[in-house]
Amino acid sequence: MPVILSQQHDCSASLVDSLKSIVKDLSAENPAVSGLESWLSGKGLLELWVAVFNERNIGFALISGCYLQAIVVHPVNRNRGVGHRIMDVLITKKPDLQLMDGEQNRWIIDCYHELSSKGG
């Protein structure tokens, strides 16, 4: 069963719980944590894209305008290609997607350039 990525507009208690479990091991300074808090509070104009596998939320991405703000995968699902799949779908659905200025995460930079050079 493939990882499905879809944009979320509404917020349920179960969604909040699952998203918070995805970032539970990250510091408060991580863009995924601060971006998630911003999306949950309704502040800012962020898009939330959630990755689902076997009816479980296993990762998400946050987009601000045409910029990828954050991408994160649940700790038990890391290093299994989920982040790559999220990036692949985002580049396909949002061909104008760009990295934030000053992006420091080497994996995000390399994955973005690999997939965008292939056209998604």
PDB file of N, CA and C in Angstrom:
ATOM      1  N   MET A   1       0.849  -1.173   0.000  1.00  0.00           N
ATOM      2  CA  MET A   1       0.000   0.000   0.000  1.00  0.00           C
ATOM      3  C   MET A   1       0.899   1.242   0.000  1.00  0.00           C
ATOM      4  N   PRO A   2       0.653   2.178  -0.929  1.00  0.00           N
ATOM      5  CA  PRO A   2       1.520   3.354  -1.026  1.00  0.00           C
ATOM      6  C   PRO A   2       1.214   4.408   0.033  1.00  0.00           C
ATOM      7  N   VAL A   3       2.180   5.282   0.211  1.00  0.00           N
ATOM      8  CA  VAL A   3       1.981   6.450   1.072  1.00  0.00           C
ATOM      9  C   VAL A   3       1.146   7.449   0.281  1.00  0.00           C
ATOM     10  N   ILE A   4       0.069   7.913   0.882  1.00  0.00           N
ATOM     11  CA  ILE A   4      -0.829   8.882   0.250  1.00  0.00           C
ATOM     12  C   ILE A   4      -0.600  10.236   0.912  1.00  0.00           C
ATOM     13  N   LEU A   5      -0.473  11.270   0.093  1.00  0.00           N
ATOM     14  CA  LEU A   5      -0.269  12.625   0.603  1.00  0.00           C
ATOM     15  C   LEU A   5      -1.455  13.485   0.201  1.00  0.00           C
ATOM     16  N   SER A   6      -2.060  14.143   1.179  1.00  0.00           N
ATOM     17  CA  SER A   6      -3.189  15.016   0.868  1.00  0.00           C
ATOM     18  C   SER A   6      -3.137  16.268   1.733  1.00  0.00           C
ATOM     19  N   GLN A   7      -3.641  17.349   1.162  1.00  0.00           N
ATOM     20  CA  GLN A   7      -3.675  18.612   1.890  1.00  0.00           C
ATOM     21  C   GLN A   7      -4.816  18.583   2.894  1.00  0.00           C
ATOM     22  N   GLN A   8      -4.552  19.066   4.102  1.00  0.00           N
ATOM     23  CA  GLN A   8      -5.544  19.116   5.175  1.00  0.00           C
ATOM     24  C   GLN A   8      -6.000  20.555   5.372  1.00  0.00           C
ATOM     25  N   HIS A   9      -7.303  20.709   5.532  1.00  0.00           N
ATOM     26  CA  HIS A   9      -7.860  22.037   5.772  1.00  0.00           C
ATOM     27  C   HIS A   9      -8.500  22.130   7.149  1.00  0.00           C
ATOM     28  N   ASP A  10      -9.006  21.004   7.628  1.00  0.00           N
ATOM     29  CA  ASP A  10      -9.701  20.965   8.909  1.00  0.00           C
ATOM     30  C   ASP A  10      -8.837  20.270   9.954  1.00  0.00           C
ATOM     31  N   CYS A  11      -9.144  20.558  11.196  1.00  0.00           N
ATOM     32  CA  CYS A  11      -8.330  20.048  12.295  1.00  0.00           C
ATOM     33  C   CYS A  11      -9.208  19.329  13.321  1.00  0.00           C
ATOM     34  N   SER A  12      -9.003  18.021  13.453  1.00  0.00           N
ATOM     35  CA  SER A  12      -9.722  17.248  14.470  1.00  0.00           C
ATOM     36  C   SER A  12      -8.767  16.941  15.617  1.00  0.00           C
ATOM     37  N   ALA A  13      -9.307  16.518  16.741  1.00  0.00           N
ATOM     38  CA  ALA A  13      -8.471  16.162  17.893  1.00  0.00           C
ATOM     39  C   ALA A  13      -7.541  15.006  17.550  1.00  0.00           C
ATOM     40  N   SER A  14      -8.024  14.039  16.789  1.00  0.00           N
ATOM     41  CA  SER A  14      -7.168  12.898  16.437  1.00  0.00           C
ATOM     42  C   SER A  14      -6.049  13.319  15.490  1.00  0.00           C
ATOM     43  N   LEU A  15      -6.331  14.255  14.581  1.00  0.00           N
ATOM     44  CA  LEU A  15      -5.288  14.763  13.695  1.00  0.00           C
ATOM     45  C   LEU A  15      -4.224  15.491  14.506  1.00  0.00           C
ATOM     46  N   VAL A  16      -4.652  16.343  15.417  1.00  0.00           N
ATOM     47  CA  VAL A  16      -3.705  17.080  16.272  1.00  0.00           C
ATOM     48  C   VAL A  16      -2.809  16.107  17.035  1.00  0.00           C
ATOM     49  N   ASP A  17      -3.401  15.097  17.638  1.00  0.00           N
ATOM     50  CA  ASP A  17      -2.625  14.108  18.400  1.00  0.00           C
ATOM     51  C   ASP A  17      -1.602  13.402  17.519  1.00  0.00           C
ATOM     52  N   SER A  18      -2.020  12.998  16.329  1.00  0.00           N
ATOM     53  CA  SER A  18      -1.087  12.272  15.463  1.00  0.00           C
ATOM     54  C   SER A  18       0.028  13.184  14.955  1.00  0.00           C
ATOM     55  N   LEU A  19      -0.284  14.437  14.642  1.00  0.00           N
ATOM     56  CA  LEU A  19       0.750  15.368  14.181  1.00  0.00           C
ATOM     57  C   LEU A  19       1.754  15.663  15.293  1.00  0.00           C
ATOM     58  N   LYS A  20       1.254  15.825  16.498  1.00  0.00           N
ATOM     59  CA  LYS A  20       2.158  16.089  17.626  1.00  0.00           C
ATOM     60  C   LYS A  20       3.044  14.880  17.911  1.00  0.00           C
ATOM     61  N   SER A  21       2.538  13.668  17.683  1.00  0.00           N
ATOM     62  CA  SER A  21       3.378  12.482  17.891  1.00  0.00           C
ATOM     63  C   SER A  21       4.482  12.399  16.845  1.00  0.00           C
ATOM     64  N   ILE A  22       4.248  12.964  15.668  1.00  0.00           N
ATOM     65  CA  ILE A  22       5.256  12.952  14.609  1.00  0.00           C
ATOM     66  C   ILE A  22       6.449  13.830  14.983  1.00  0.00           C
ATOM     67  N   VAL A  23       6.203  14.937  15.676  1.00  0.00           N
ATOM     68  CA  VAL A  23       7.278  15.876  16.011  1.00  0.00           C
ATOM     69  C   VAL A  23       7.756  15.746  17.463  1.00  0.00           C
ATOM     70  N   LYS A  24       7.300  14.721  18.168  1.00  0.00           N
ATOM     71  CA  LYS A  24       7.569  14.609  19.609  1.00  0.00           C
ATOM     72  C   LYS A  24       9.049  14.596  19.975  1.00  0.00           C
ATOM     73  N   ASP A  25       9.912  14.145  19.082  1.00  0.00           N
ATOM     74  CA  ASP A  25      11.338  14.057  19.404  1.00  0.00           C
ATOM     75  C   ASP A  25      12.149  15.246  18.878  1.00  0.00           C
ATOM     76  N   LEU A  26      11.466  16.248  18.320  1.00  0.00           N
ATOM     77  CA  LEU A  26      12.162  17.399  17.745  1.00  0.00           C
ATOM     78  C   LEU A  26      12.168  18.572  18.720  1.00  0.00           C
ATOM     79  N   SER A  27      13.183  19.412  18.590  1.00  0.00           N
ATOM     80  CA  SER A  27      13.272  20.586  19.464  1.00  0.00           C
ATOM     81  C   SER A  27      12.243  21.632  19.037  1.00  0.00           C
ATOM     82  N   ALA A  28      11.917  22.512  19.948  1.00  0.00           N
ATOM     83  CA  ALA A  28      10.933  23.567  19.687  1.00  0.00           C
ATOM     84  C   ALA A  28      11.399  24.507  18.576  1.00  0.00           C
ATOM     85  N   GLU A  29      12.700  24.579  18.341  1.00  0.00           N
ATOM     86  CA  GLU A  29      13.244  25.455  17.303  1.00  0.00           C
ATOM     87  C   GLU A  29      13.129  24.858  15.909  1.00  0.00           C
ATOM     88  N   ASN A  30      12.807  23.570  15.817  1.00  0.00           N
ATOM     89  CA  ASN A  30      12.695  22.919  14.517  1.00  0.00           C
ATOM     90  C   ASN A  30      11.548  23.559  13.734  1.00  0.00           C
ATOM     91  N   PRO A  31      11.757  23.863  12.440  1.00  0.00           N
ATOM     92  CA  PRO A  31      10.701  24.495  11.640  1.00  0.00           C
ATOM     93  C   PRO A  31       9.405  23.680  11.572  1.00  0.00           C
ATOM     94  N   ALA A  32       9.495  22.357  11.689  1.00  0.00           N
ATOM     95  CA  ALA A  32       8.284  21.526  11.672  1.00  0.00           C
ATOM     96  C   ALA A  32       7.448  21.764  12.921  1.00  0.00           C
ATOM     97  N   VAL A  33       8.109  21.925  14.065  1.00  0.00           N
ATOM     98  CA  VAL A  33       7.396  22.143  15.328  1.00  0.00           C
ATOM     99  C   VAL A  33       6.752  23.529  15.338  1.00  0.00           C
ATOM    100  N   SER A  34       7.537  24.554  15.028  1.00  0.00           N
ATOM    101  CA  SER A  34       6.995  25.913  15.043  1.00  0.00           C
ATOM    102  C   SER A  34       5.949  26.101  13.940  1.00  0.00           C
ATOM    103  N   GLY A  35       6.168  25.492  12.786  1.00  0.00           N
ATOM    104  CA  GLY A  35       5.199  25.584  11.702  1.00  0.00           C
ATOM    105  C   GLY A  35       3.899  24.882  12.040  1.00  0.00           C
ATOM    106  N   LEU A  36       3.992  23.733  12.683  1.00  0.00           N
ATOM    107  CA  LEU A  36       2.791  23.010  13.089  1.00  0.00           C
ATOM    108  C   LEU A  36       1.985  23.835  14.089  1.00  0.00           C
ATOM    109  N   GLU A  37       2.661  24.418  15.056  1.00  0.00           N
ATOM    110  CA  GLU A  37       1.970  25.262  16.037  1.00  0.00           C
ATOM    111  C   GLU A  37       1.286  26.438  15.346  1.00  0.00           C
ATOM    112  N   SER A  38       1.953  27.018  14.362  1.00  0.00           N
ATOM    113  CA  SER A  38       1.375  28.132  13.610  1.00  0.00           C
ATOM    114  C   SER A  38       0.138  27.680  12.841  1.00  0.00           C
ATOM    115  N   TRP A  39       0.219  26.508  12.192  1.00  0.00           N
ATOM    116  CA  TRP A  39      -0.935  25.993  11.441  1.00  0.00           C
ATOM    117  C   TRP A  39      -2.099  25.690  12.384  1.00  0.00           C
ATOM    118  N   LEU A  40      -1.803  25.066  13.528  1.00  0.00           N
ATOM    119  CA  LEU A  40      -2.848  24.713  14.481  1.00  0.00           C
ATOM    120  C   LEU A  40      -3.538  25.948  15.057  1.00  0.00           C
ATOM    121  N   SER A  41      -2.780  27.028  15.221  1.00  0.00           N
ATOM    122  CA  SER A  41      -3.356  28.252  15.780  1.00  0.00           C
ATOM    123  C   SER A  41      -4.073  29.083  14.728  1.00  0.00           C
ATOM    124  N   GLY A  42      -3.909  28.711  13.470  1.00  0.00           N
ATOM    125  CA  GLY A  42      -4.549  29.470  12.401  1.00  0.00           C
ATOM    126  C   GLY A  42      -3.783  30.711  12.002  1.00  0.00           C
ATOM    127  N   LYS A  43      -2.599  30.884  12.582  1.00  0.00           N
ATOM    128  CA  LYS A  43      -1.770  32.044  12.249  1.00  0.00           C
ATOM    129  C   LYS A  43      -0.909  31.701  11.043  1.00  0.00           C
ATOM    130  N   GLY A  44      -0.729  32.649  10.185  1.00  0.00           N
ATOM    131  CA  GLY A  44       0.081  32.412   9.001  1.00  0.00           C
ATOM    132  C   GLY A  44      -0.746  31.732   7.920  1.00  0.00           C
ATOM    133  N   LEU A  45      -0.191  31.694   6.752  1.00  0.00           N
ATOM    134  CA  LEU A  45      -0.879  31.099   5.610  1.00  0.00           C
ATOM    135  C   LEU A  45      -0.150  29.829   5.184  1.00  0.00           C
ATOM    136  N   LEU A  46      -0.130  28.854   6.065  1.00  0.00           N
ATOM    137  CA  LEU A  46       0.569  27.608   5.780  1.00  0.00           C
ATOM    138  C   LEU A  46      -0.381  26.558   5.243  1.00  0.00           C
ATOM    139  N   GLU A  47       0.117  25.772   4.302  1.00  0.00           N
ATOM    140  CA  GLU A  47      -0.591  24.591   3.837  1.00  0.00           C
ATOM    141  C   GLU A  47      -0.009  23.401   4.582  1.00  0.00           C
ATOM    142  N   LEU A  48      -0.874  22.519   5.046  1.00  0.00           N
ATOM    143  CA  LEU A  48      -0.452  21.290   5.710  1.00  0.00           C
ATOM    144  C   LEU A  48      -0.773  20.118   4.799  1.00  0.00           C
ATOM    145  N   TRP A  49       0.257  19.338   4.469  1.00  0.00           N
ATOM    146  CA  TRP A  49       0.113  18.135   3.655  1.00  0.00           C
ATOM    147  C   TRP A  49       0.492  16.956   4.536  1.00  0.00           C
ATOM    148  N   VAL A  50      -0.423  16.002   4.689  1.00  0.00           N
ATOM    149  CA  VAL A  50      -0.214  14.882   5.600  1.00  0.00           C
ATOM    150  C   VAL A  50      -0.014  13.587   4.803  1.00  0.00           C
ATOM    151  N   ALA A  51       1.011  12.827   5.191  1.00  0.00           N
ATOM    152  CA  ALA A  51       1.295  11.529   4.578  1.00  0.00           C
ATOM    153  C   ALA A  51       0.617  10.437   5.400  1.00  0.00           C
ATOM    154  N   VAL A  52      -0.138   9.581   4.713  1.00  0.00           N
ATOM    155  CA  VAL A  52      -0.894   8.519   5.371  1.00  0.00           C
ATOM    156  C   VAL A  52      -0.477   7.173   4.794  1.00  0.00           C
ATOM    157  N   PHE A  53      -0.273   6.212   5.692  1.00  0.00           N
ATOM    158  CA  PHE A  53       0.031   4.837   5.300  1.00  0.00           C
ATOM    159  C   PHE A  53      -0.746   3.916   6.235  1.00  0.00           C
ATOM    160  N   ASN A  54      -1.482   2.967   5.670  1.00  0.00           N
ATOM    161  CA  ASN A  54      -2.312   2.057   6.474  1.00  0.00           C
ATOM    162  C   ASN A  54      -3.220   2.820   7.439  1.00  0.00           C
ATOM    163  N   GLU A  55      -3.819   3.894   6.932  1.00  0.00           N
ATOM    164  CA  GLU A  55      -4.760   4.720   7.698  1.00  0.00           C
ATOM    165  C   GLU A  55      -4.137   5.412   8.906  1.00  0.00           C
ATOM    166  N   ARG A  56      -2.807   5.561   8.903  1.00  0.00           N
ATOM    167  CA  ARG A  56      -2.109   6.256   9.989  1.00  0.00           C
ATOM    168  C   ARG A  56      -1.324   7.419   9.412  1.00  0.00           C
ATOM    169  N   ASN A  57      -1.362   8.555  10.099  1.00  0.00           N
ATOM    170  CA  ASN A  57      -0.565   9.716   9.702  1.00  0.00           C
ATOM    171  C   ASN A  57       0.879   9.446  10.092  1.00  0.00           C
ATOM    172  N   ILE A  58       1.758   9.424   9.086  1.00  0.00           N
ATOM    173  CA  ILE A  58       3.153   9.068   9.363  1.00  0.00           C
ATOM    174  C   ILE A  58       4.137  10.189   9.039  1.00  0.00           C
ATOM    175  N   GLY A  59       3.639  11.299   8.532  1.00  0.00           N
ATOM    176  CA  GLY A  59       4.520  12.418   8.225  1.00  0.00           C
ATOM    177  C   GLY A  59       3.709  13.587   7.717  1.00  0.00           C
ATOM    178  N   PHE A  60       4.379  14.720   7.581  1.00  0.00           N
ATOM    179  CA  PHE A  60       3.701  15.884   7.017  1.00  0.00           C
ATOM    180  C   PHE A  60       4.712  16.878   6.473  1.00  0.00           C
ATOM    181  N   ALA A  61       4.191  17.773   5.650  1.00  0.00           N
ATOM    182  CA  ALA A  61       4.986  18.875   5.111  1.00  0.00           C
ATOM    183  C   ALA A  61       4.184  20.153   5.300  1.00  0.00           C
ATOM    184  N   LEU A  62       4.893  21.244   5.491  1.00  0.00           N
ATOM    185  CA  LEU A  62       4.281  22.568   5.606  1.00  0.00           C
ATOM    186  C   LEU A  62       4.819  23.444   4.491  1.00  0.00           C
ATOM    187  N   ILE A  63       3.915  24.131   3.821  1.00  0.00           N
ATOM    188  CA  ILE A  63       4.292  24.994   2.704  1.00  0.00           C
ATOM    189  C   ILE A  63       3.751  26.393   2.966  1.00  0.00           C
ATOM    190  N   SER A  64       4.606  27.374   2.749  1.00  0.00           N
ATOM    191  CA  SER A  64       4.227  28.775   2.885  1.00  0.00           C
ATOM    192  C   SER A  64       4.364  29.425   1.512  1.00  0.00           C
ATOM    193  N   GLY A  65       3.239  29.737   0.885  1.00  0.00           N
ATOM    194  CA  GLY A  65       3.271  30.249  -0.485  1.00  0.00           C
ATOM    195  C   GLY A  65       3.790  29.166  -1.413  1.00  0.00           C
ATOM    196  N   CYS A  66       4.933  29.414  -2.034  1.00  0.00           N
ATOM    197  CA  CYS A  66       5.547  28.391  -2.887  1.00  0.00           C
ATOM    198  C   CYS A  66       6.812  27.820  -2.237  1.00  0.00           C
ATOM    199  N   TYR A  67       6.982  28.053  -0.944  1.00  0.00           N
ATOM    200  CA  TYR A  67       8.196  27.606  -0.242  1.00  0.00           C
ATOM    201  C   TYR A  67       7.922  26.449   0.715  1.00  0.00           C
ATOM    202  N   LEU A  68       8.750  25.417   0.616  1.00  0.00           N
ATOM    203  CA  LEU A  68       8.695  24.307   1.552  1.00  0.00           C
ATOM    204  C   LEU A  68       9.278  24.784   2.874  1.00  0.00           C
ATOM    205  N   GLN A  69       8.442  24.834   3.895  1.00  0.00           N
ATOM    206  CA  GLN A  69       8.911  25.288   5.199  1.00  0.00           C
ATOM    207  C   GLN A  69       9.465  24.133   6.022  1.00  0.00           C
ATOM    208  N   ALA A  70       8.823  22.967   5.932  1.00  0.00           N
ATOM    209  CA  ALA A  70       9.256  21.827   6.747  1.00  0.00           C
ATOM    210  C   ALA A  70       8.720  20.539   6.152  1.00  0.00           C
ATOM    211  N   ILE A  71       9.466  19.476   6.413  1.00  0.00           N
ATOM    212  CA  ILE A  71       9.027  18.131   6.075  1.00  0.00           C
ATOM    213  C   ILE A  71       9.512  17.244   7.209  1.00  0.00           C
ATOM    214  N   VAL A  72       8.619  16.394   7.722  1.00  0.00           N
ATOM    215  CA  VAL A  72       8.990  15.562   8.866  1.00  0.00           C
ATOM    216  C   VAL A  72       8.242  14.234   8.783  1.00  0.00           C
ATOM    217  N   VAL A  73       8.917  13.181   9.258  1.00  0.00           N
ATOM    218  CA  VAL A  73       8.357  11.832   9.257  1.00  0.00           C
ATOM    219  C   VAL A  73       8.386  11.308  10.688  1.00  0.00           C
ATOM    220  N   HIS A  74       7.348  10.559  11.056  1.00  0.00           N
ATOM    221  CA  HIS A  74       7.271   9.970  12.394  1.00  0.00           C
ATOM    222  C   HIS A  74       8.548   9.156  12.655  1.00  0.00           C
ATOM    223  N   PRO A  75       9.073   9.221  13.878  1.00  0.00           N
ATOM    224  CA  PRO A  75      10.334   8.522  14.190  1.00  0.00           C
ATOM    225  C   PRO A  75      10.372   7.042  13.778  1.00  0.00           C
ATOM    226  N   VAL A  76       9.284   6.306  13.928  1.00  0.00           N
ATOM    227  CA  VAL A  76       9.322   4.877  13.586  1.00  0.00           C
ATOM    228  C   VAL A  76       9.274   4.637  12.084  1.00  0.00           C
ATOM    229  N   ASN A  77       8.980   5.671  11.299  1.00  0.00           N
ATOM    230  CA  ASN A  77       8.901   5.527   9.848  1.00  0.00           C
ATOM    231  C   ASN A  77      10.054   6.184   9.111  1.00  0.00           C
ATOM    232  N   ARG A  78      11.010   6.715   9.832  1.00  0.00           N
ATOM    233  CA  ARG A  78      12.141   7.393   9.189  1.00  0.00           C
ATOM    234  C   ARG A  78      13.062   6.376   8.518  1.00  0.00           C
ATOM    235  N   ASN A  79      13.774   6.844   7.513  1.00  0.00           N
ATOM    236  CA  ASN A  79      14.723   6.033   6.745  1.00  0.00           C
ATOM    237  C   ASN A  79      14.051   4.887   5.998  1.00  0.00           C
ATOM    238  N   ARG A  80      12.813   5.137   5.567  1.00  0.00           N
ATOM    239  CA  ARG A  80      12.065   4.139   4.789  1.00  0.00           C
ATOM    240  C   ARG A  80      11.532   4.731   3.487  1.00  0.00           C
ATOM    241  N   GLY A  81      12.014   5.914   3.119  1.00  0.00           N
ATOM    242  CA  GLY A  81      11.590   6.530   1.869  1.00  0.00           C
ATOM    243  C   GLY A  81      10.344   7.393   1.956  1.00  0.00           C
ATOM    244  N   VAL A  82       9.810   7.570   3.157  1.00  0.00           N
ATOM    245  CA  VAL A  82       8.583   8.355   3.310  1.00  0.00           C
ATOM    246  C   VAL A  82       8.833   9.824   2.964  1.00  0.00           C
ATOM    247  N   GLY A  83       9.902  10.393   3.471  1.00  0.00           N
ATOM    248  CA  GLY A  83      10.215  11.789   3.167  1.00  0.00           C
ATOM    249  C   GLY A  83      10.430  12.000   1.680  1.00  0.00           C
ATOM    250  N   HIS A  84      11.098  11.053   1.042  1.00  0.00           N
ATOM    251  CA  HIS A  84      11.325  11.108  -0.402  1.00  0.00           C
ATOM    252  C   HIS A  84       9.991  11.096  -1.137  1.00  0.00           C
ATOM    253  N   ARG A  85       9.083  10.249  -0.700  1.00  0.00           N
ATOM    254  CA  ARG A  85       7.754  10.157  -1.317  1.00  0.00           C
ATOM    255  C   ARG A  85       6.979  11.463  -1.124  1.00  0.00           C
ATOM    256  N   ILE A  86       7.041  12.037   0.076  1.00  0.00           N
ATOM    257  CA  ILE A  86       6.366  13.314   0.332  1.00  0.00           C
ATOM    258  C   ILE A  86       6.903  14.382  -0.621  1.00  0.00           C
ATOM    259  N   MET A  87       8.221  14.480  -0.719  1.00  0.00           N
ATOM    260  CA  MET A  87       8.835  15.488  -1.590  1.00  0.00           C
ATOM    261  C   MET A  87       8.452  15.244  -3.053  1.00  0.00           C
ATOM    262  N   ASP A  88       8.458  13.989  -3.484  1.00  0.00           N
ATOM    263  CA  ASP A  88       8.112  13.645  -4.859  1.00  0.00           C
ATOM    264  C   ASP A  88       6.687  14.097  -5.191  1.00  0.00           C
ATOM    265  N   VAL A  89       5.741  13.792  -4.324  1.00  0.00           N
ATOM    266  CA  VAL A  89       4.342  14.169  -4.565  1.00  0.00           C
ATOM    267  C   VAL A  89       4.191  15.691  -4.548  1.00  0.00           C
ATOM    268  N   LEU A  90       4.846  16.356  -3.606  1.00  0.00           N
ATOM    269  CA  LEU A  90       4.744  17.821  -3.533  1.00  0.00           C
ATOM    270  C   LEU A  90       5.275  18.479  -4.800  1.00  0.00           C
ATOM    271  N   ILE A  91       6.408  18.020  -5.297  1.00  0.00           N
ATOM    272  CA  ILE A  91       6.986  18.608  -6.511  1.00  0.00           C
ATOM    273  C   ILE A  91       6.070  18.359  -7.708  1.00  0.00           C
ATOM    274  N   THR A  92       5.425  17.196  -7.735  1.00  0.00           N
ATOM    275  CA  THR A  92       4.487  16.896  -8.821  1.00  0.00           C
ATOM    276  C   THR A  92       3.246  17.776  -8.735  1.00  0.00           C
ATOM    277  N   LYS A  93       2.680  17.917  -7.539  1.00  0.00           N
ATOM    278  CA  LYS A  93       1.447  18.690  -7.370  1.00  0.00           C
ATOM    279  C   LYS A  93       1.685  20.193  -7.358  1.00  0.00           C
ATOM    280  N   LYS A  94       2.880  20.608  -6.972  1.00  0.00           N
ATOM    281  CA  LYS A  94       3.200  22.024  -6.869  1.00  0.00           C
ATOM    282  C   LYS A  94       4.530  22.286  -7.580  1.00  0.00           C
ATOM    283  N   PRO A  95       4.512  22.321  -8.914  1.00  0.00           N
ATOM    284  CA  PRO A  95       5.772  22.453  -9.662  1.00  0.00           C
ATOM    285  C   PRO A  95       6.547  23.740  -9.382  1.00  0.00           C
ATOM    286  N   ASP A  96       5.890  24.744  -8.786  1.00  0.00           N
ATOM    287  CA  ASP A  96       6.587  25.986  -8.451  1.00  0.00           C
ATOM    288  C   ASP A  96       7.226  25.935  -7.057  1.00  0.00           C
ATOM    289  N   LEU A  97       7.167  24.772  -6.403  1.00  0.00           N
ATOM    290  CA  LEU A  97       7.710  24.622  -5.051  1.00  0.00           C
ATOM    291  C   LEU A  97       9.199  24.951  -5.021  1.00  0.00           C
ATOM    292  N   GLN A  98       9.597  25.718  -3.998  1.00  0.00           N
ATOM    293  CA  GLN A  98      10.999  26.100  -3.814  1.00  0.00           C
ATOM    294  C   GLN A  98      11.395  25.850  -2.367  1.00  0.00           C
ATOM    295  N   LEU A  99      12.697  25.797  -2.137  1.00  0.00           N
ATOM    296  CA  LEU A  99      13.195  25.674  -0.771  1.00  0.00           C
ATOM    297  C   LEU A  99      13.259  27.054  -0.135  1.00  0.00           C
ATOM    298  N   MET A 100      13.108  27.089   1.187  1.00  0.00           N
ATOM    299  CA  MET A 100      13.238  28.341   1.930  1.00  0.00           C
ATOM    300  C   MET A 100      14.676  28.840   1.783  1.00  0.00           C
ATOM    301  N   ASP A 101      14.840  30.160   1.742  1.00  0.00           N
ATOM    302  CA  ASP A 101      16.185  30.737   1.721  1.00  0.00           C
ATOM    303  C   ASP A 101      16.916  30.301   2.981  1.00  0.00           C
ATOM    304  N   GLY A 102      18.135  29.852   2.820  1.00  0.00           N
ATOM    305  CA  GLY A 102      18.934  29.446   3.966  1.00  0.00           C
ATOM    306  C   GLY A 102      18.635  28.044   4.472  1.00  0.00           C
ATOM    307  N   GLU A 103      17.935  27.231   3.695  1.00  0.00           N
ATOM    308  CA  GLU A 103      17.657  25.846   4.114  1.00  0.00           C
ATOM    309  C   GLU A 103      18.975  25.165   4.467  1.00  0.00           C
ATOM    310  N   GLN A 104      19.026  24.544   5.644  1.00  0.00           N
ATOM    311  CA  GLN A 104      20.254  23.925   6.141  1.00  0.00           C
ATOM    312  C   GLN A 104      20.245  22.397   6.078  1.00  0.00           C
ATOM    313  N   ASN A 105      19.060  21.801   5.971  1.00  0.00           N
ATOM    314  CA  ASN A 105      18.961  20.348   6.006  1.00  0.00           C
ATOM    315  C   ASN A 105      19.472  19.760   4.693  1.00  0.00           C
ATOM    316  N   ARG A 106      20.603  19.082   4.761  1.00  0.00           N
ATOM    317  CA  ARG A 106      21.253  18.547   3.562  1.00  0.00           C
ATOM    318  C   ARG A 106      20.352  17.544   2.837  1.00  0.00           C
ATOM    319  N   TRP A 107      19.620  16.717   3.589  1.00  0.00           N
ATOM    320  CA  TRP A 107      18.746  15.742   2.955  1.00  0.00           C
ATOM    321  C   TRP A 107      17.668  16.449   2.145  1.00  0.00           C
ATOM    322  N   ILE A 108      17.049  17.471   2.711  1.00  0.00           N
ATOM    323  CA  ILE A 108      16.009  18.203   1.995  1.00  0.00           C
ATOM    324  C   ILE A 108      16.572  18.830   0.723  1.00  0.00           C
ATOM    325  N   ILE A 109      17.734  19.445   0.822  1.00  0.00           N
ATOM    326  CA  ILE A 109      18.355  20.085  -0.337  1.00  0.00           C
ATOM    327  C   ILE A 109      18.643  19.064  -1.431  1.00  0.00           C
ATOM    328  N   ASP A 110      19.284  17.952  -1.066  1.00  0.00           N
ATOM    329  CA  ASP A 110      19.649  16.933  -2.056  1.00  0.00           C
ATOM    330  C   ASP A 110      18.415  16.280  -2.680  1.00  0.00           C
ATOM    331  N   CYS A 111      17.444  15.937  -1.864  1.00  0.00           N
ATOM    332  CA  CYS A 111      16.216  15.294  -2.349  1.00  0.00           C
ATOM    333  C   CYS A 111      15.460  16.236  -3.285  1.00  0.00           C
ATOM    334  N   TYR A 112      15.351  17.486  -2.894  1.00  0.00           N
ATOM    335  CA  TYR A 112      14.656  18.478  -3.713  1.00  0.00           C
ATOM    336  C   TYR A 112      15.320  18.591  -5.088  1.00  0.00           C
ATOM    337  N   HIS A 113      16.636  18.729  -5.103  1.00  0.00           N
ATOM    338  CA  HIS A 113      17.339  18.900  -6.375  1.00  0.00           C
ATOM    339  C   HIS A 113      17.253  17.628  -7.226  1.00  0.00           C
ATOM    340  N   GLU A 114      17.347  16.478  -6.602  1.00  0.00           N
ATOM    341  CA  GLU A 114      17.219  15.212  -7.352  1.00  0.00           C
ATOM    342  C   GLU A 114      15.859  15.106  -8.014  1.00  0.00           C
ATOM    343  N   LEU A 115      14.799  15.344  -7.257  1.00  0.00           N
ATOM    344  CA  LEU A 115      13.449  15.172  -7.784  1.00  0.00           C
ATOM    345  C   LEU A 115      13.032  16.293  -8.738  1.00  0.00           C
ATOM    346  N   SER A 116      13.418  17.519  -8.430  1.00  0.00           N
ATOM    347  CA  SER A 116      13.011  18.624  -9.311  1.00  0.00           C
ATOM    348  C   SER A 116      13.743  18.558 -10.649  1.00  0.00           C
ATOM    349  N   SER A 117      14.954  17.999 -10.654  1.00  0.00           N
ATOM    350  CA  SER A 117      15.684  17.870 -11.922  1.00  0.00           C
ATOM    351  C   SER A 117      15.074  16.788 -12.817  1.00  0.00           C
ATOM    352  N   LYS A 118      14.331  15.854 -12.204  1.00  0.00           N
ATOM    353  CA  LYS A 118      13.648  14.804 -12.959  1.00  0.00           C
ATOM    354  C   LYS A 118      12.252  15.224 -13.370  1.00  0.00           C
ATOM    355  N   GLY A 119      11.846  16.409 -12.941  1.00  0.00           N
ATOM    356  CA  GLY A 119      10.512  16.891 -13.276  1.00  0.00           C
ATOM    357  C   GLY A 119       9.437  16.305 -12.397  1.00  0.00           C
ATOM    358  N   GLY A 120       9.803  15.891 -11.143  1.00  0.00           N
ATOM    359  CA  GLY A 120       8.832  15.375 -10.192  1.00  0.00           C
ATOM    360  C   GLY A 120       8.800  13.894 -10.088  1.00  0.00           C
TER     361      GLY A 120
END
